[in-house]
């Protein structure tokens, strides 16, 4: 998992025995994930194409507050 599609800086990386992966919820933003398989003879497949995921904010209250504040300041 990375915050860039080129995977230069990883946020999470795991080798798993089962196709299940859990991490602590990251901050809101755009992230990219990819996977590959490693068989019993240690043969590794190429990485899958990157999948883009978006983690929404836990609350939209800060966004709403800033928007309302901006409208009020423009009205002055």
Protein backbone atom coordinates (compact mmCIF):
# COMPACT_ATOMS: atom_id res chain seq x y z
CA UNK A 1 0.00 0.00 0.00
CA UNK A 2 1.33 3.41 -0.96
CA UNK A 3 0.13 6.97 -1.28
CA UNK A 4 1.61 7.18 -4.79
CA UNK A 5 0.99 4.97 -7.85
CA UNK A 6 4.73 4.33 -8.29
CA UNK A 7 5.02 2.68 -4.83
CA UNK A 8 8.28 4.46 -4.02
CA UNK A 9 7.25 5.01 -0.39
CA UNK A 10 5.23 2.19 1.16
CA UNK A 11 2.67 2.70 3.91
CA UNK A 12 2.17 -1.02 4.49
CA UNK A 13 3.69 -4.23 3.14
CA UNK A 14 2.94 -7.75 4.34
CA UNK A 15 3.59 -11.35 3.32
CA UNK A 16 0.45 -13.32 4.10
CA UNK A 17 -0.58 -16.97 4.24
CA UNK A 18 -4.24 -16.09 3.61
CA UNK A 19 -5.65 -13.51 1.16
CA UNK A 20 -6.75 -11.19 3.98
CA UNK A 21 -5.06 -7.95 4.97
CA UNK A 22 -6.11 -5.57 7.75
CA UNK A 23 -4.48 -2.31 8.76
CA UNK A 24 -5.41 0.60 10.97
CA UNK A 25 -7.55 3.10 9.09
CA UNK A 26 -5.19 5.59 7.40
CA UNK A 27 -5.93 9.31 7.24
CA UNK A 28 -8.34 10.39 4.53
CA UNK A 29 -6.82 10.54 1.07
CA UNK A 30 -6.00 8.56 -2.06
CA UNK A 31 -4.03 5.31 -1.72
CA UNK A 32 -2.87 2.56 -4.05
CA UNK A 33 -2.70 -1.16 -3.40
CA UNK A 34 -1.25 -4.07 -5.35
CA UNK A 35 -0.59 -7.74 -4.74
CA UNK A 36 1.47 -10.65 -5.99
CA UNK A 37 1.52 -14.34 -5.20
CA UNK A 38 4.42 -16.44 -3.95
CA UNK A 39 4.03 -20.19 -4.28
CA UNK A 40 5.50 -22.96 -2.13
CA UNK A 41 8.66 -23.10 -4.29
CA UNK A 42 9.14 -19.37 -3.59
CA UNK A 43 8.25 -18.40 -7.17
CA UNK A 44 6.90 -14.87 -7.21
CA UNK A 45 4.41 -13.57 -9.75
CA UNK A 46 4.58 -10.00 -11.06
CA UNK A 47 2.61 -7.40 -9.10
CA UNK A 48 -1.00 -6.89 -10.05
CA UNK A 49 -2.00 -3.56 -11.58
CA UNK A 50 -2.32 -0.90 -8.88
CA UNK A 51 -5.81 -0.35 -7.52
CA UNK A 52 -6.73 3.16 -6.41
CA UNK A 53 -8.76 3.52 -3.22
CA UNK A 54 -10.08 6.63 -1.52
CA UNK A 55 -10.41 6.82 2.24
CA UNK A 56 -13.14 9.32 3.07
CA UNK A 57 -12.85 11.64 6.05
CA UNK A 58 -14.30 10.27 9.28
CA UNK A 59 -16.37 13.43 9.52
CA UNK A 60 -17.31 16.06 6.99
CA UNK A 61 -17.84 18.64 9.75
CA UNK A 62 -14.42 20.37 9.25
CA UNK A 63 -15.03 20.65 5.49
CA UNK A 64 -18.53 22.06 6.07
CA UNK A 65 -17.25 24.53 8.66
CA UNK A 66 -14.53 25.87 6.35
CA UNK A 67 -17.01 26.18 3.47
CA UNK A 68 -19.53 28.08 5.60
CA UNK A 69 -16.78 30.33 6.98
CA UNK A 70 -15.55 31.10 3.44
CA UNK A 71 -19.06 32.06 2.31
CA UNK A 72 -19.54 34.31 5.34
CA UNK A 73 -16.19 36.03 4.78
CA UNK A 74 -16.98 36.64 1.09
CA UNK A 75 -20.30 38.23 2.10
CA UNK A 76 -18.52 40.89 4.17
